[in-house]
Amino acid sequence: FEGGGLLAGVRTLGEGKVLFVNLPLGY
């Protein structure tokens, strides 16, 4: 979103991965 804020991204942490979604998907 505006200003470079993160709405969604996927990254590696250790041996695993995290998909972070900054949207209220269920809502």
mmCIF file of all heavy atoms, coordinates in Angstrom:
data_MODEL
# 
_entry.id   MODEL 
# 
loop_
_atom_site.group_PDB 
_atom_site.id 
_atom_site.type_symbol 
_atom_site.label_atom_id 
_atom_site.label_alt_id 
_atom_site.label_comp_id 
_atom_site.label_asym_id 
_atom_site.label_entity_id 
_atom_site.label_seq_id 
_atom_site.pdbx_PDB_ins_code 
_atom_site.Cartn_x 
_atom_site.Cartn_y 
_atom_site.Cartn_z 
_atom_site.occupancy 
_atom_site.B_iso_or_equiv 
_atom_site.pdbx_formal_charge 
_atom_site.auth_seq_id 
_atom_site.auth_comp_id 
_atom_site.auth_asym_id 
_atom_site.auth_atom_id 
_atom_site.pdbx_PDB_model_num 
ATOM 1   N N   . PHE A 1 1  ? 0.849   -1.193  0.000  1.00 0.00 ? 1  PHE A N   1 
ATOM 2   C CA  . PHE A 1 1  ? 0.000   0.000   0.000  1.00 0.00 ? 1  PHE A CA  1 
ATOM 3   C C   . PHE A 1 1  ? 0.881   1.237   0.000  1.00 0.00 ? 1  PHE A C   1 
ATOM 4   O O   . PHE A 1 1  ? 2.120   1.135   0.026  1.00 0.00 ? 1  PHE A O   1 
ATOM 5   C CB  . PHE A 1 1  ? -0.996  -0.004  1.160  1.00 0.00 ? 1  PHE A CB  1 
ATOM 6   C CG  . PHE A 1 1  ? -0.394  -0.125  2.535  1.00 0.00 ? 1  PHE A CG  1 
ATOM 7   C CD1 . PHE A 1 1  ? -0.078  0.999   3.283  1.00 0.00 ? 1  PHE A CD1 1 
ATOM 8   C CD2 . PHE A 1 1  ? -0.168  -1.385  3.106  1.00 0.00 ? 1  PHE A CD2 1 
ATOM 9   C CE1 . PHE A 1 1  ? 0.456   0.901   4.552  1.00 0.00 ? 1  PHE A CE1 1 
ATOM 10  C CE2 . PHE A 1 1  ? 0.355   -1.499  4.374  1.00 0.00 ? 1  PHE A CE2 1 
ATOM 11  C CZ  . PHE A 1 1  ? 0.678   -0.367  5.101  1.00 0.00 ? 1  PHE A CZ  1 
ATOM 12  N N   . GLU A 1 2  ? 0.269   2.397   -0.074 1.00 0.00 ? 2  GLU A N   1 
ATOM 13  C CA  . GLU A 1 2  ? 0.993   3.650   -0.255 1.00 0.00 ? 2  GLU A CA  1 
ATOM 14  C C   . GLU A 1 2  ? 2.076   3.829   0.800  1.00 0.00 ? 2  GLU A C   1 
ATOM 15  O O   . GLU A 1 2  ? 1.866   3.555   1.978  1.00 0.00 ? 2  GLU A O   1 
ATOM 16  C CB  . GLU A 1 2  ? 0.022   4.832   -0.203 1.00 0.00 ? 2  GLU A CB  1 
ATOM 17  C CG  . GLU A 1 2  ? 0.659   6.150   -0.599 1.00 0.00 ? 2  GLU A CG  1 
ATOM 18  C CD  . GLU A 1 2  ? -0.364  7.274   -0.707 1.00 0.00 ? 2  GLU A CD  1 
ATOM 19  O OE1 . GLU A 1 2  ? -1.568  6.984   -0.631 1.00 0.00 ? 2  GLU A OE1 1 
ATOM 20  O OE2 . GLU A 1 2  ? 0.064   8.433   -0.872 1.00 0.00 ? 2  GLU A OE2 1 
ATOM 21  N N   . GLY A 1 3  ? 3.238   4.264   0.344  1.00 0.00 ? 3  GLY A N   1 
ATOM 22  C CA  . GLY A 1 3  ? 4.353   4.461   1.260  1.00 0.00 ? 3  GLY A CA  1 
ATOM 23  C C   . GLY A 1 3  ? 5.214   3.223   1.414  1.00 0.00 ? 3  GLY A C   1 
ATOM 24  O O   . GLY A 1 3  ? 6.145   3.211   2.226  1.00 0.00 ? 3  GLY A O   1 
ATOM 25  N N   . GLY A 1 4  ? 4.910   2.177   0.653  1.00 0.00 ? 4  GLY A N   1 
ATOM 26  C CA  . GLY A 1 4  ? 5.727   0.970   0.717  1.00 0.00 ? 4  GLY A CA  1 
ATOM 27  C C   . GLY A 1 4  ? 5.326   -0.006  1.787  1.00 0.00 ? 4  GLY A C   1 
ATOM 28  O O   . GLY A 1 4  ? 6.049   -0.985  2.042  1.00 0.00 ? 4  GLY A O   1 
ATOM 29  N N   . GLY A 1 5  ? 4.199   0.207   2.454  1.00 0.00 ? 5  GLY A N   1 
ATOM 30  C CA  . GLY A 1 5  ? 3.747   -0.739  3.468  1.00 0.00 ? 5  GLY A CA  1 
ATOM 31  C C   . GLY A 1 5  ? 3.445   -2.097  2.867  1.00 0.00 ? 5  GLY A C   1 
ATOM 32  O O   . GLY A 1 5  ? 2.981   -2.204  1.723  1.00 0.00 ? 5  GLY A O   1 
ATOM 33  N N   . LEU A 1 6  ? 3.689   -3.140  3.624  1.00 0.00 ? 6  LEU A N   1 
ATOM 34  C CA  . LEU A 1 6  ? 3.534   -4.503  3.119  1.00 0.00 ? 6  LEU A CA  1 
ATOM 35  C C   . LEU A 1 6  ? 2.096   -4.991  3.269  1.00 0.00 ? 6  LEU A C   1 
ATOM 36  O O   . LEU A 1 6  ? 1.553   -5.028  4.366  1.00 0.00 ? 6  LEU A O   1 
ATOM 37  C CB  . LEU A 1 6  ? 4.472   -5.451  3.874  1.00 0.00 ? 6  LEU A CB  1 
ATOM 38  C CG  . LEU A 1 6  ? 4.487   -6.897  3.371  1.00 0.00 ? 6  LEU A CG  1 
ATOM 39  C CD1 . LEU A 1 6  ? 5.169   -6.978  2.017  1.00 0.00 ? 6  LEU A CD1 1 
ATOM 40  C CD2 . LEU A 1 6  ? 5.169   -7.814  4.385  1.00 0.00 ? 6  LEU A CD2 1 
ATOM 41  N N   . LEU A 1 7  ? 1.493   -5.393  2.138  1.00 0.00 ? 7  LEU A N   1 
ATOM 42  C CA  . LEU A 1 7  ? 0.180   -6.043  2.160  1.00 0.00 ? 7  LEU A CA  1 
ATOM 43  C C   . LEU A 1 7  ? 0.306   -7.557  2.103  1.00 0.00 ? 7  LEU A C   1 
ATOM 44  O O   . LEU A 1 7  ? -0.512  -8.271  2.678  1.00 0.00 ? 7  LEU A O   1 
ATOM 45  C CB  . LEU A 1 7  ? -0.680  -5.570  0.974  1.00 0.00 ? 7  LEU A CB  1 
ATOM 46  C CG  . LEU A 1 7  ? -1.546  -4.345  1.187  1.00 0.00 ? 7  LEU A CG  1 
ATOM 47  C CD1 . LEU A 1 7  ? -2.396  -4.081  -0.044 1.00 0.00 ? 7  LEU A CD1 1 
ATOM 48  C CD2 . LEU A 1 7  ? -2.453  -4.529  2.394  1.00 0.00 ? 7  LEU A CD2 1 
ATOM 49  N N   . ALA A 1 8  ? 1.309   -8.051  1.402  1.00 0.00 ? 8  ALA A N   1 
ATOM 50  C CA  . ALA A 1 8  ? 1.516   -9.496  1.332  1.00 0.00 ? 8  ALA A CA  1 
ATOM 51  C C   . ALA A 1 8  ? 2.918   -9.774  0.828  1.00 0.00 ? 8  ALA A C   1 
ATOM 52  O O   . ALA A 1 8  ? 3.450   -9.049  -0.010 1.00 0.00 ? 8  ALA A O   1 
ATOM 53  C CB  . ALA A 1 8  ? 0.485   -10.160 0.421  1.00 0.00 ? 8  ALA A CB  1 
ATOM 54  N N   . GLY A 1 9  ? 3.502   -10.856 1.345  1.00 0.00 ? 9  GLY A N   1 
ATOM 55  C CA  . GLY A 1 9  ? 4.814   -11.277 0.891  1.00 0.00 ? 9  GLY A CA  1 
ATOM 56  C C   . GLY A 1 9  ? 5.128   -12.667 1.394  1.00 0.00 ? 9  GLY A C   1 
ATOM 57  O O   . GLY A 1 9  ? 4.518   -13.149 2.364  1.00 0.00 ? 9  GLY A O   1 
ATOM 58  N N   . VAL A 1 10 ? 6.085   -13.312 0.751  1.00 0.00 ? 10 VAL A N   1 
ATOM 59  C CA  . VAL A 1 10 ? 6.514   -14.650 1.156  1.00 0.00 ? 10 VAL A CA  1 
ATOM 60  C C   . VAL A 1 10 ? 8.015   -14.610 1.385  1.00 0.00 ? 10 VAL A C   1 
ATOM 61  O O   . VAL A 1 10 ? 8.762   -13.995 0.621  1.00 0.00 ? 10 VAL A O   1 
ATOM 62  C CB  . VAL A 1 10 ? 6.114   -15.705 0.093  1.00 0.00 ? 10 VAL A CB  1 
ATOM 63  C CG1 . VAL A 1 10 ? 6.792   -15.443 -1.239 1.00 0.00 ? 10 VAL A CG1 1 
ATOM 64  C CG2 . VAL A 1 10 ? 6.412   -17.109 0.585  1.00 0.00 ? 10 VAL A CG2 1 
ATOM 65  N N   . ARG A 1 11 ? 8.462   -15.255 2.471  1.00 0.00 ? 11 ARG A N   1 
ATOM 66  C CA  . ARG A 1 11 ? 9.881   -15.206 2.830  1.00 0.00 ? 11 ARG A CA  1 
ATOM 67  C C   . ARG A 1 11 ? 10.309  -16.516 3.466  1.00 0.00 ? 11 ARG A C   1 
ATOM 68  O O   . ARG A 1 11 ? 9.478   -17.295 3.961  1.00 0.00 ? 11 ARG A O   1 
ATOM 69  C CB  . ARG A 1 11 ? 10.148  -14.050 3.808  1.00 0.00 ? 11 ARG A CB  1 
ATOM 70  C CG  . ARG A 1 11 ? 9.477   -14.227 5.159  1.00 0.00 ? 11 ARG A CG  1 
ATOM 71  C CD  . ARG A 1 11 ? 9.568   -12.973 6.010  1.00 0.00 ? 11 ARG A CD  1 
ATOM 72  N NE  . ARG A 1 11 ? 10.918  -12.670 6.448  1.00 0.00 ? 11 ARG A NE  1 
ATOM 73  C CZ  . ARG A 1 11 ? 11.390  -12.979 7.664  1.00 0.00 ? 11 ARG A CZ  1 
ATOM 74  N NH1 . ARG A 1 11 ? 10.618  -13.592 8.544  1.00 0.00 ? 11 ARG A NH1 1 
ATOM 75  N NH2 . ARG A 1 11 ? 12.609  -12.659 7.994  1.00 0.00 ? 11 ARG A NH2 1 
ATOM 76  N N   . THR A 1 12 ? 11.608  -16.747 3.452  1.00 0.00 ? 12 THR A N   1 
ATOM 77  C CA  . THR A 1 12 ? 12.207  -17.904 4.105  1.00 0.00 ? 12 THR A CA  1 
ATOM 78  C C   . THR A 1 12 ? 12.650  -17.514 5.503  1.00 0.00 ? 12 THR A C   1 
ATOM 79  O O   . THR A 1 12 ? 13.213  -16.437 5.711  1.00 0.00 ? 12 THR A O   1 
ATOM 80  C CB  . THR A 1 12 ? 13.409  -18.411 3.295  1.00 0.00 ? 12 THR A CB  1 
ATOM 81  O OG1 . THR A 1 12 ? 12.963  -18.821 1.994  1.00 0.00 ? 12 THR A OG1 1 
ATOM 82  C CG2 . THR A 1 12 ? 14.068  -19.596 3.980  1.00 0.00 ? 12 THR A CG2 1 
ATOM 83  N N   . LEU A 1 13 ? 12.389  -18.387 6.477  1.00 0.00 ? 13 LEU A N   1 
ATOM 84  C CA  . LEU A 1 13 ? 12.852  -18.193 7.850  1.00 0.00 ? 13 LEU A CA  1 
ATOM 85  C C   . LEU A 1 13 ? 13.373  -19.535 8.331  1.00 0.00 ? 13 LEU A C   1 
ATOM 86  O O   . LEU A 1 13 ? 12.604  -20.492 8.475  1.00 0.00 ? 13 LEU A O   1 
ATOM 87  C CB  . LEU A 1 13 ? 11.714  -17.703 8.746  1.00 0.00 ? 13 LEU A CB  1 
ATOM 88  C CG  . LEU A 1 13 ? 12.097  -17.428 10.204 1.00 0.00 ? 13 LEU A CG  1 
ATOM 89  C CD1 . LEU A 1 13 ? 13.093  -16.259 10.292 1.00 0.00 ? 13 LEU A CD1 1 
ATOM 90  C CD2 . LEU A 1 13 ? 10.859  -17.112 11.048 1.00 0.00 ? 13 LEU A CD2 1 
ATOM 91  N N   . GLY A 1 14 ? 14.674  -19.615 8.564  1.00 0.00 ? 14 GLY A N   1 
ATOM 92  C CA  . GLY A 1 14 ? 15.259  -20.899 8.906  1.00 0.00 ? 14 GLY A CA  1 
ATOM 93  C C   . GLY A 1 14 ? 15.088  -21.868 7.750  1.00 0.00 ? 14 GLY A C   1 
ATOM 94  O O   . GLY A 1 14 ? 15.435  -21.580 6.609  1.00 0.00 ? 14 GLY A O   1 
ATOM 95  N N   . GLU A 1 15 ? 14.514  -23.039 8.044  1.00 0.00 ? 15 GLU A N   1 
ATOM 96  C CA  . GLU A 1 15 ? 14.271  -24.045 7.018  1.00 0.00 ? 15 GLU A CA  1 
ATOM 97  C C   . GLU A 1 15 ? 12.866  -23.949 6.425  1.00 0.00 ? 15 GLU A C   1 
ATOM 98  O O   . GLU A 1 15 ? 12.519  -24.712 5.519  1.00 0.00 ? 15 GLU A O   1 
ATOM 99  C CB  . GLU A 1 15 ? 14.472  -25.447 7.611  1.00 0.00 ? 15 GLU A CB  1 
ATOM 100 C CG  . GLU A 1 15 ? 15.871  -25.707 8.121  1.00 0.00 ? 15 GLU A CG  1 
ATOM 101 C CD  . GLU A 1 15 ? 16.912  -25.610 7.017  1.00 0.00 ? 15 GLU A CD  1 
ATOM 102 O OE1 . GLU A 1 15 ? 16.645  -26.146 5.926  1.00 0.00 ? 15 GLU A OE1 1 
ATOM 103 O OE2 . GLU A 1 15 ? 17.975  -25.005 7.254  1.00 0.00 ? 15 GLU A OE2 1 
ATOM 104 N N   . GLY A 1 16 ? 12.043  -23.049 6.957  1.00 0.00 ? 16 GLY A N   1 
ATOM 105 C CA  . GLY A 1 16 ? 10.654  -22.958 6.521  1.00 0.00 ? 16 GLY A CA  1 
ATOM 106 C C   . GLY A 1 16 ? 10.350  -21.693 5.762  1.00 0.00 ? 16 GLY A C   1 
ATOM 107 O O   . GLY A 1 16 ? 11.237  -20.883 5.455  1.00 0.00 ? 16 GLY A O   1 
ATOM 108 N N   . LYS A 1 17 ? 9.059   -21.510 5.458  1.00 0.00 ? 17 LYS A N   1 
ATOM 109 C CA  . LYS A 1 17 ? 8.603   -20.334 4.731  1.00 0.00 ? 17 LYS A CA  1 
ATOM 110 C C   . LYS A 1 17 ? 7.362   -19.764 5.390  1.00 0.00 ? 17 LYS A C   1 
ATOM 111 O O   . LYS A 1 17 ? 6.550   -20.508 5.962  1.00 0.00 ? 17 LYS A O   1 
ATOM 112 C CB  . LYS A 1 17 ? 8.288   -20.681 3.271  1.00 0.00 ? 17 LYS A CB  1 
ATOM 113 C CG  . LYS A 1 17 ? 9.515   -20.925 2.411  1.00 0.00 ? 17 LYS A CG  1 
ATOM 114 C CD  . LYS A 1 17 ? 9.130   -21.131 0.961  1.00 0.00 ? 17 LYS A CD  1 
ATOM 115 C CE  . LYS A 1 17 ? 10.361  -21.320 0.086  1.00 0.00 ? 17 LYS A CE  1 
ATOM 116 N NZ  . LYS A 1 17 ? 9.992   -21.538 -1.334 1.00 0.00 ? 17 LYS A NZ  1 
ATOM 117 N N   . VAL A 1 18 ? 7.209   -18.439 5.262  1.00 0.00 ? 18 VAL A N   1 
ATOM 118 C CA  . VAL A 1 18 ? 6.043   -17.738 5.791  1.00 0.00 ? 18 VAL A CA  1 
ATOM 119 C C   . VAL A 1 18 ? 5.433   -16.879 4.694  1.00 0.00 ? 18 VAL A C   1 
ATOM 120 O O   . VAL A 1 18 ? 6.127   -16.064 4.076  1.00 0.00 ? 18 VAL A O   1 
ATOM 121 C CB  . VAL A 1 18 ? 6.405   -16.838 6.986  1.00 0.00 ? 18 VAL A CB  1 
ATOM 122 C CG1 . VAL A 1 18 ? 5.157   -16.112 7.503  1.00 0.00 ? 18 VAL A CG1 1 
ATOM 123 C CG2 . VAL A 1 18 ? 7.057   -17.639 8.096  1.00 0.00 ? 18 VAL A CG2 1 
ATOM 124 N N   . LEU A 1 19 ? 4.142   -17.083 4.449  1.00 0.00 ? 19 LEU A N   1 
ATOM 125 C CA  . LEU A 1 19 ? 3.359   -16.176 3.610  1.00 0.00 ? 19 LEU A CA  1 
ATOM 126 C C   . LEU A 1 19 ? 2.559   -15.294 4.562  1.00 0.00 ? 19 LEU A C   1 
ATOM 127 O O   . LEU A 1 19 ? 1.682   -15.774 5.274  1.00 0.00 ? 19 LEU A O   1 
ATOM 128 C CB  . LEU A 1 19 ? 2.417   -16.962 2.696  1.00 0.00 ? 19 LEU A CB  1 
ATOM 129 C CG  . LEU A 1 19 ? 1.379   -16.127 1.925  1.00 0.00 ? 19 LEU A CG  1 
ATOM 130 C CD1 . LEU A 1 19 ? 2.061   -15.154 0.966  1.00 0.00 ? 19 LEU A CD1 1 
ATOM 131 C CD2 . LEU A 1 19 ? 0.397   -17.020 1.182  1.00 0.00 ? 19 LEU A CD2 1 
ATOM 132 N N   . PHE A 1 20 ? 2.892   -14.005 4.596  1.00 0.00 ? 20 PHE A N   1 
ATOM 133 C CA  . PHE A 1 20 ? 2.181   -13.049 5.446  1.00 0.00 ? 20 PHE A CA  1 
ATOM 134 C C   . PHE A 1 20 ? 1.219   -12.253 4.579  1.00 0.00 ? 20 PHE A C   1 
ATOM 135 O O   . PHE A 1 20 ? 1.614   -11.675 3.564  1.00 0.00 ? 20 PHE A O   1 
ATOM 136 C CB  . PHE A 1 20 ? 3.165   -12.112 6.133  1.00 0.00 ? 20 PHE A CB  1 
ATOM 137 C CG  . PHE A 1 20 ? 2.502   -11.016 6.945  1.00 0.00 ? 20 PHE A CG  1 
ATOM 138 C CD1 . PHE A 1 20 ? 1.588   -11.313 7.940  1.00 0.00 ? 20 PHE A CD1 1 
ATOM 139 C CD2 . PHE A 1 20 ? 2.790   -9.679  6.691  1.00 0.00 ? 20 PHE A CD2 1 
ATOM 140 C CE1 . PHE A 1 20 ? 0.974   -10.307 8.681  1.00 0.00 ? 20 PHE A CE1 1 
ATOM 141 C CE2 . PHE A 1 20 ? 2.196   -8.665  7.428  1.00 0.00 ? 20 PHE A CE2 1 
ATOM 142 C CZ  . PHE A 1 20 ? 1.280   -8.981  8.421  1.00 0.00 ? 20 PHE A CZ  1 
ATOM 143 N N   . VAL A 1 21 ? -0.057  -12.241 4.958  1.00 0.00 ? 21 VAL A N   1 
ATOM 144 C CA  . VAL A 1 21 ? -1.082  -11.509 4.218  1.00 0.00 ? 21 VAL A CA  1 
ATOM 145 C C   . VAL A 1 21 ? -1.718  -10.501 5.169  1.00 0.00 ? 21 VAL A C   1 
ATOM 146 O O   . VAL A 1 21 ? -2.441  -10.880 6.104  1.00 0.00 ? 21 VAL A O   1 
ATOM 147 C CB  . VAL A 1 21 ? -2.149  -12.455 3.631  1.00 0.00 ? 21 VAL A CB  1 
ATOM 148 C CG1 . VAL A 1 21 ? -3.139  -11.648 2.790  1.00 0.00 ? 21 VAL A CG1 1 
ATOM 149 C CG2 . VAL A 1 21 ? -1.510  -13.546 2.791  1.00 0.00 ? 21 VAL A CG2 1 
ATOM 150 N N   . ASN A 1 22 ? -1.452  -9.241  4.932  1.00 0.00 ? 22 ASN A N   1 
ATOM 151 C CA  . ASN A 1 22 ? -1.930  -8.147  5.778  1.00 0.00 ? 22 ASN A CA  1 
ATOM 152 C C   . ASN A 1 22 ? -3.304  -7.664  5.287  1.00 0.00 ? 22 ASN A C   1 
ATOM 153 O O   . ASN A 1 22 ? -3.532  -6.476  5.088  1.00 0.00 ? 22 ASN A O   1 
ATOM 154 C CB  . ASN A 1 22 ? -0.893  -7.019  5.752  1.00 0.00 ? 22 ASN A CB  1 
ATOM 155 C CG  . ASN A 1 22 ? -1.203  -5.876  6.698  1.00 0.00 ? 22 ASN A CG  1 
ATOM 156 O OD1 . ASN A 1 22 ? -2.092  -5.967  7.539  1.00 0.00 ? 22 ASN A OD1 1 
ATOM 157 N ND2 . ASN A 1 22 ? -0.481  -4.786  6.540  1.00 0.00 ? 22 ASN A ND2 1 
ATOM 158 N N   . LEU A 1 23 ? -4.186  -8.617  5.055  1.00 0.00 ? 23 LEU A N   1 
ATOM 159 C CA  . LEU A 1 23 ? -5.567  -8.351  4.640  1.00 0.00 ? 23 LEU A CA  1 
ATOM 160 C C   . LEU A 1 23 ? -6.483  -9.251  5.471  1.00 0.00 ? 23 LEU A C   1 
ATOM 161 O O   . LEU A 1 23 ? -6.158  -10.422 5.673  1.00 0.00 ? 23 LEU A O   1 
ATOM 162 C CB  . LEU A 1 23 ? -5.776  -8.668  3.154  1.00 0.00 ? 23 LEU A CB  1 
ATOM 163 C CG  . LEU A 1 23 ? -5.076  -7.817  2.117  1.00 0.00 ? 23 LEU A CG  1 
ATOM 164 C CD1 . LEU A 1 23 ? -5.150  -8.480  0.744  1.00 0.00 ? 23 LEU A CD1 1 
ATOM 165 C CD2 . LEU A 1 23 ? -5.716  -6.427  2.051  1.00 0.00 ? 23 LEU A CD2 1 
ATOM 166 N N   . PRO A 1 24 ? -7.619  -8.761  5.922  1.00 0.00 ? 24 PRO A N   1 
ATOM 167 C CA  . PRO A 1 24 ? -8.526  -9.585  6.738  1.00 0.00 ? 24 PRO A CA  1 
ATOM 168 C C   . PRO A 1 24 ? -9.331  -10.543 5.861  1.00 0.00 ? 24 PRO A C   1 
ATOM 169 O O   . PRO A 1 24 ? -10.522 -10.340 5.598  1.00 0.00 ? 24 PRO A O   1 
ATOM 170 C CB  . PRO A 1 24 ? -9.408  -8.545  7.430  1.00 0.00 ? 24 PRO A CB  1 
ATOM 171 C CG  . PRO A 1 24 ? -9.467  -7.402  6.455  1.00 0.00 ? 24 PRO A CG  1 
ATOM 172 C CD  . PRO A 1 24 ? -8.116  -7.369  5.785  1.00 0.00 ? 24 PRO A CD  1 
ATOM 173 N N   . LEU A 1 25 ? -8.702  -11.597 5.394  1.00 0.00 ? 25 LEU A N   1 
ATOM 174 C CA  . LEU A 1 25 ? -9.278  -12.444 4.359  1.00 0.00 ? 25 LEU A CA  1 
ATOM 175 C C   . LEU A 1 25 ? -10.602 -13.073 4.778  1.00 0.00 ? 25 LEU A C   1 
ATOM 176 O O   . LEU A 1 25 ? -11.564 -13.098 4.006  1.00 0.00 ? 25 LEU A O   1 
ATOM 177 C CB  . LEU A 1 25 ? -8.278  -13.532 3.963  1.00 0.00 ? 25 LEU A CB  1 
ATOM 178 C CG  . LEU A 1 25 ? -6.935  -13.044 3.419  1.00 0.00 ? 25 LEU A CG  1 
ATOM 179 C CD1 . LEU A 1 25 ? -6.032  -14.229 3.096  1.00 0.00 ? 25 LEU A CD1 1 
ATOM 180 C CD2 . LEU A 1 25 ? -7.134  -12.170 2.192  1.00 0.00 ? 25 LEU A CD2 1 
ATOM 181 N N   . GLY A 1 26 ? -10.651 -13.622 5.997  1.00 0.00 ? 26 GLY A N   1 
ATOM 182 C CA  . GLY A 1 26 ? -11.895 -14.240 6.458  1.00 0.00 ? 26 GLY A CA  1 
ATOM 183 C C   . GLY A 1 26 ? -13.000 -13.222 6.650  1.00 0.00 ? 26 GLY A C   1 
ATOM 184 O O   . GLY A 1 26 ? -14.160 -13.468 6.287  1.00 0.00 ? 26 GLY A O   1 
ATOM 185 N N   . TYR A 1 27 ? -12.657 -12.087 7.212  1.00 0.00 ? 27 TYR A N   1 
ATOM 186 C CA  . TYR A 1 27 ? -13.627 -11.001 7.406  1.00 0.00 ? 27 TYR A CA  1 
ATOM 187 C C   . TYR A 1 27 ? -14.232 -10.583 6.070  1.00 0.00 ? 27 TYR A C   1 
ATOM 188 O O   . TYR A 1 27 ? -15.447 -10.408 5.937  1.00 0.00 ? 27 TYR A O   1 
ATOM 189 C CB  . TYR A 1 27 ? -12.920 -9.831  8.078  1.00 0.00 ? 27 TYR A CB  1 
ATOM 190 C CG  . TYR A 1 27 ? -13.728 -8.553  8.200  1.00 0.00 ? 27 TYR A CG  1 
ATOM 191 C CD1 . TYR A 1 27 ? -14.523 -8.319  9.318  1.00 0.00 ? 27 TYR A CD1 1 
ATOM 192 C CD2 . TYR A 1 27 ? -13.676 -7.583  7.196  1.00 0.00 ? 27 TYR A CD2 1 
ATOM 193 C CE1 . TYR A 1 27 ? -15.258 -7.143  9.426  1.00 0.00 ? 27 TYR A CE1 1 
ATOM 194 C CE2 . TYR A 1 27 ? -14.408 -6.413  7.300  1.00 0.00 ? 27 TYR A CE2 1 
ATOM 195 C CZ  . TYR A 1 27 ? -15.203 -6.194  8.414  1.00 0.00 ? 27 TYR A CZ  1 
ATOM 196 O OH  . TYR A 1 27 ? -15.935 -5.031  8.513  1.00 0.00 ? 27 TYR A OH  1 
# 
